Protein backbone atom coordinates (compact mmCIF):
# COMPACT_ATOMS: atom_id res chain seq x y z
CA UNK A 1 -3.05 43.61 -50.76
CA UNK A 2 -4.51 43.79 -54.23
CA UNK A 3 -8.25 43.52 -54.66
CA UNK A 4 -7.91 40.38 -56.78
CA UNK A 5 -5.70 38.72 -54.13
CA UNK A 6 -8.21 39.65 -51.41
CA UNK A 7 -11.01 38.11 -53.49
CA UNK A 8 -9.02 34.88 -53.87
CA UNK A 9 -8.26 34.71 -50.14
CA UNK A 10 -11.95 35.32 -49.34
CA UNK A 11 -12.96 32.59 -51.78
CA UNK A 12 -10.53 30.13 -50.19
CA UNK A 13 -11.93 30.98 -46.74
CA UNK A 14 -15.56 30.53 -47.90
CA UNK A 15 -14.74 27.19 -49.49
CA UNK A 16 -13.13 25.96 -46.28
CA UNK A 17 -9.65 25.61 -47.78
CA UNK A 18 -8.25 28.35 -45.54
CA UNK A 19 -9.23 27.80 -41.91
CA UNK A 20 -6.24 28.74 -39.79
CA UNK A 21 -6.30 32.37 -38.65
CA UNK A 22 -2.49 32.41 -38.72
CA UNK A 23 -2.35 31.21 -42.33
CA UNK A 24 -5.06 33.66 -43.36
CA UNK A 25 -3.18 36.51 -41.69
CA UNK A 26 0.07 35.47 -43.40
CA UNK A 27 -1.59 35.29 -46.80
CA UNK A 28 -3.00 38.77 -46.28
CA UNK A 29 0.34 40.19 -45.11
CA UNK A 30 2.80 38.65 -47.58
CA UNK A 31 2.02 39.30 -51.25
CA UNK A 32 2.52 36.24 -53.47
CA UNK A 33 4.04 38.40 -56.20
CA UNK A 34 7.15 38.84 -54.03
CA UNK A 35 7.98 35.22 -54.88
CA UNK A 36 7.40 35.55 -58.63
CA UNK A 37 9.59 36.77 -61.47
CA UNK A 38 8.51 40.20 -62.70
CA UNK A 39 6.90 38.82 -65.87
CA UNK A 40 4.65 36.49 -63.80
CA UNK A 41 3.52 38.98 -61.15
CA UNK A 42 0.31 39.94 -62.92
CA UNK A 43 -0.81 36.31 -62.45
CA UNK A 44 -0.22 36.26 -58.67
CA UNK A 45 -3.96 36.11 -57.87
CA UNK A 46 -4.59 33.04 -60.00
CA UNK A 47 -5.15 29.87 -57.97
CA UNK A 48 -2.61 27.88 -59.95
CA UNK A 49 1.08 26.99 -59.65
CA UNK A 50 3.26 29.58 -61.39
CA UNK A 51 6.79 29.26 -62.78
CA UNK A 52 9.61 30.86 -60.80
CA UNK A 53 12.51 29.76 -63.00
CA UNK A 54 14.88 26.80 -63.32
CA UNK A 55 11.93 24.47 -63.93
CA UNK A 56 10.44 25.25 -60.49
CA UNK A 57 7.02 26.57 -59.53
CA UNK A 58 5.44 28.38 -56.60
CA UNK A 59 2.48 26.36 -55.33
CA UNK A 60 -1.12 27.27 -56.00
CA UNK A 61 -2.63 29.17 -53.05
CA UNK A 62 -5.10 26.36 -52.36
CA UNK A 63 -2.29 23.79 -51.82
């Protein structure tokens, strides 16, 4: 897990958005960048929806 992704997950835990241990574990185990096109991967740790092609987006982590 990248440091920036870990910081985002920690922030979502502190703010009470992430509460389920199972969801927290999944977010730590499965990198968001796996779901992004290569040119969007550097933005994986941003808490915002990101484009994945064909007019679709991957949800923001806080959703």
